[in-house]
Amino acid sequence: MTAVEKEIAPLEAQKTYWLKKGVNSFGTHARNDIRLPKEAGAQYAGIFFLKNDTVILRANPLALIKGNGRALDNTVVFSTSKNLPLVVGMLYLRFINAEGKIGIEVRIKK
């Protein structure tokens, strides 16, 4: 278990968003496909691209999205062999696969 996973585990999921195939924009702005709570900080944090069972992150460099303690961009964050928890501002994002649908659980740092 990574350090981020240990921090996430006791926190209650605030919301789950289900990804659609293709582009899923995310951030705090209302025009995003996934509208995150204000704790995310960035109005337009980036996009998740879902193809089959793989999610690729394209991040806005100003959003400072981290995984495993480093800034990420153009990175596979979820697949059948990978599930990388993300930190976006004061939020933790964790990918889930339920009945063939891929989603993101959002948890707020305390």
C-alpha atoms as a PDB file:
ATOM      1  CA  MET A   1       0.000   0.000   0.000  1.00  0.00           C
ATOM      2  CA  THR A   2       1.407   3.400  -0.994  1.00  0.00           C
ATOM      3  CA  ALA A   3       1.568   6.399   1.349  1.00  0.00           C
ATOM      4  CA  VAL A   4      -1.345   8.047  -0.503  1.00  0.00           C
ATOM      5  CA  GLU A   5      -3.442   4.868  -0.257  1.00  0.00           C
ATOM      6  CA  LYS A   6      -2.817   4.793   3.511  1.00  0.00           C
ATOM      7  CA  GLU A   7      -4.011   8.408   3.784  1.00  0.00           C
ATOM      8  CA  ILE A   8      -7.082   7.752   1.619  1.00  0.00           C
ATOM      9  CA  ALA A   9      -8.244   4.553   3.329  1.00  0.00           C
ATOM     10  CA  PRO A  10      -9.849   6.096   6.449  1.00  0.00           C
ATOM     11  CA  LEU A  11     -11.469   9.002   4.584  1.00  0.00           C
ATOM     12  CA  GLU A  12     -15.101   8.689   3.552  1.00  0.00           C
ATOM     13  CA  ALA A  13     -15.861   8.992  -0.160  1.00  0.00           C
ATOM     14  CA  GLN A  14     -17.646  12.292  -0.802  1.00  0.00           C
ATOM     15  CA  LYS A  15     -18.868  11.458  -4.292  1.00  0.00           C
ATOM     16  CA  THR A  16     -18.356   8.967  -7.100  1.00  0.00           C
ATOM     17  CA  TYR A  17     -18.229  10.072 -10.735  1.00  0.00           C
ATOM     18  CA  TRP A  18     -18.609   7.546 -13.561  1.00  0.00           C
ATOM     19  CA  LEU A  19     -16.449   8.031 -16.638  1.00  0.00           C
ATOM     20  CA  LYS A  20     -17.887   7.903 -20.131  1.00  0.00           C
ATOM     21  CA  LYS A  21     -15.910   6.573 -23.097  1.00  0.00           C
ATOM     22  CA  GLY A  22     -13.576   9.164 -24.556  1.00  0.00           C
ATOM     23  CA  VAL A  23     -12.845  12.567 -23.039  1.00  0.00           C
ATOM     24  CA  ASN A  24     -13.958  13.445 -19.478  1.00  0.00           C
ATOM     25  CA  SER A  25     -12.941  16.970 -18.437  1.00  0.00           C
ATOM     26  CA  PHE A  26     -12.576  17.667 -14.717  1.00  0.00           C
ATOM     27  CA  GLY A  27     -12.093  20.599 -12.366  1.00  0.00           C
ATOM     28  CA  THR A  28     -14.182  23.003 -10.308  1.00  0.00           C
ATOM     29  CA  HIS A  29     -15.819  24.873 -13.224  1.00  0.00           C
ATOM     30  CA  ALA A  30     -19.443  24.003 -14.047  1.00  0.00           C
ATOM     31  CA  ARG A  31     -18.600  23.252 -17.698  1.00  0.00           C
ATOM     32  CA  ASN A  32     -16.492  20.225 -16.798  1.00  0.00           C
ATOM     33  CA  ASP A  33     -17.888  16.726 -17.269  1.00  0.00           C
ATOM     34  CA  ILE A  34     -16.728  16.008 -13.713  1.00  0.00           C
ATOM     35  CA  ARG A  35     -17.295  18.998 -11.456  1.00  0.00           C
ATOM     36  CA  LEU A  36     -15.032  18.630  -8.442  1.00  0.00           C
ATOM     37  CA  PRO A  37     -15.496  20.374  -5.079  1.00  0.00           C
ATOM     38  CA  LYS A  38     -13.704  23.696  -4.572  1.00  0.00           C
ATOM     39  CA  GLU A  39     -10.940  21.887  -2.647  1.00  0.00           C
ATOM     40  CA  ALA A  40      -9.547  20.745  -6.028  1.00  0.00           C
ATOM     41  CA  GLY A  41      -8.409  24.322  -6.607  1.00  0.00           C
ATOM     42  CA  ALA A  42      -8.216  24.268 -10.422  1.00  0.00           C
ATOM     43  CA  GLN A  43     -11.179  25.302 -12.563  1.00  0.00           C
ATOM     44  CA  TYR A  44      -9.866  23.182 -15.434  1.00  0.00           C
ATOM     45  CA  ALA A  45      -7.621  20.507 -13.934  1.00  0.00           C
ATOM     46  CA  GLY A  46      -7.398  18.344 -17.053  1.00  0.00           C
ATOM     47  CA  ILE A  47      -9.038  15.410 -18.798  1.00  0.00           C
ATOM     48  CA  PHE A  48      -9.334  11.701 -18.253  1.00  0.00           C
ATOM     49  CA  PHE A  49      -9.481   9.752 -21.500  1.00  0.00           C
ATOM     50  CA  LEU A  50     -11.231   6.383 -21.154  1.00  0.00           C
ATOM     51  CA  LYS A  51     -10.624   3.753 -23.826  1.00  0.00           C
ATOM     52  CA  ASN A  52     -11.663   0.177 -23.074  1.00  0.00           C
ATOM     53  CA  ASP A  53     -10.426  -0.436 -19.498  1.00  0.00           C
ATOM     54  CA  THR A  54      -7.645   2.163 -19.553  1.00  0.00           C
ATOM     55  CA  VAL A  55      -7.715   5.757 -18.265  1.00  0.00           C
ATOM     56  CA  ILE A  56      -5.094   8.267 -19.408  1.00  0.00           C
ATOM     57  CA  LEU A  57      -4.637  11.565 -17.566  1.00  0.00           C
ATOM     58  CA  ARG A  58      -3.866  14.761 -19.482  1.00  0.00           C
ATOM     59  CA  ALA A  59      -3.283  17.352 -16.773  1.00  0.00           C
ATOM     60  CA  ASN A  60      -3.293  21.124 -16.776  1.00  0.00           C
ATOM     61  CA  PRO A  61       0.270  21.854 -15.545  1.00  0.00           C
ATOM     62  CA  LEU A  62      -1.075  24.601 -13.279  1.00  0.00           C
ATOM     63  CA  ALA A  63      -3.328  22.085 -11.470  1.00  0.00           C
ATOM     64  CA  LEU A  64      -0.326  20.201  -9.994  1.00  0.00           C
ATOM     65  CA  ILE A  65      -1.925  16.769 -10.083  1.00  0.00           C
ATOM     66  CA  LYS A  66       0.257  14.258  -8.280  1.00  0.00           C
ATOM     67  CA  GLY A  67       0.558  10.504  -8.108  1.00  0.00           C
ATOM     68  CA  ASN A  68       3.225   8.666  -6.124  1.00  0.00           C
ATOM     69  CA  GLY A  69       4.523  12.055  -4.954  1.00  0.00           C
ATOM     70  CA  ARG A  70       5.298  13.488  -8.399  1.00  0.00           C
ATOM     71  CA  ALA A  71       3.505  15.742 -10.859  1.00  0.00           C
ATOM     72  CA  LEU A  72       1.756  13.839 -13.641  1.00  0.00           C
ATOM     73  CA  ASP A  73       0.767  14.450 -17.241  1.00  0.00           C
ATOM     74  CA  ASN A  74      -0.021  12.186 -20.173  1.00  0.00           C
ATOM     75  CA  THR A  75       0.079   9.150 -17.914  1.00  0.00           C
ATOM     76  CA  VAL A  76      -1.910   5.927 -17.663  1.00  0.00           C
ATOM     77  CA  VAL A  77      -3.542   6.195 -14.233  1.00  0.00           C
ATOM     78  CA  PHE A  78      -5.860   3.190 -14.417  1.00  0.00           C
ATOM     79  CA  SER A  79      -5.796  -0.123 -16.283  1.00  0.00           C
ATOM     80  CA  THR A  80      -6.232  -3.808 -15.551  1.00  0.00           C
ATOM     81  CA  SER A  81      -2.740  -3.786 -14.000  1.00  0.00           C
ATOM     82  CA  LYS A  82      -2.530  -0.239 -12.589  1.00  0.00           C
ATOM     83  CA  ASN A  83      -4.594   1.936 -10.245  1.00  0.00           C
ATOM     84  CA  LEU A  84      -2.780   5.144  -9.316  1.00  0.00           C
ATOM     85  CA  PRO A  85      -4.441   7.309  -6.624  1.00  0.00           C
ATOM     86  CA  LEU A  86      -4.206  11.015  -7.428  1.00  0.00           C
ATOM     87  CA  VAL A  87      -3.903  14.171  -5.352  1.00  0.00           C
ATOM     88  CA  VAL A  88      -5.613  17.267  -6.797  1.00  0.00           C
ATOM     89  CA  GLY A  89      -5.393  20.258  -4.483  1.00  0.00           C
ATOM     90  CA  MET A  90      -6.949  19.105  -1.201  1.00  0.00           C
ATOM     91  CA  LEU A  91      -8.657  16.113  -2.830  1.00  0.00           C
ATOM     92  CA  TYR A  92      -7.752  12.481  -3.227  1.00  0.00           C
ATOM     93  CA  LEU A  93      -9.079  10.711  -6.326  1.00  0.00           C
ATOM     94  CA  ARG A  94      -9.236   6.924  -6.439  1.00  0.00           C
ATOM     95  CA  PHE A  95     -10.360   4.868  -9.421  1.00  0.00           C
ATOM     96  CA  ILE A  96     -12.882   2.073  -9.040  1.00  0.00           C
ATOM     97  CA  ASN A  97     -14.195  -0.601 -11.389  1.00  0.00           C
ATOM     98  CA  ALA A  98     -17.740  -1.711 -10.592  1.00  0.00           C
ATOM     99  CA  GLU A  99     -19.644  -4.026 -12.898  1.00  0.00           C
ATOM    100  CA  GLY A 100     -17.552  -2.974 -15.887  1.00  0.00           C
ATOM    101  CA  LYS A 101     -17.967   0.765 -15.254  1.00  0.00           C
ATOM    102  CA  ILE A 102     -14.936   2.853 -14.288  1.00  0.00           C
ATOM    103  CA  GLY A 103     -15.433   5.638 -11.809  1.00  0.00           C
ATOM    104  CA  ILE A 104     -13.579   8.058  -9.575  1.00  0.00           C
ATOM    105  CA  GLU A 105     -14.151   8.302  -5.832  1.00  0.00           C
ATOM    106  CA  VAL A 106     -13.438  11.769  -4.449  1.00  0.00           C
ATOM    107  CA  ARG A 107     -12.236  12.168  -0.862  1.00  0.00           C
ATOM    108  CA  ILE A 108     -11.331  15.431   0.883  1.00  0.00           C
ATOM    109  CA  LYS A 109      -8.050  15.713   2.812  1.00  0.00           C
ATOM    110  CA  LYS A 110      -8.529  16.530   6.471  1.00  0.00           C
END
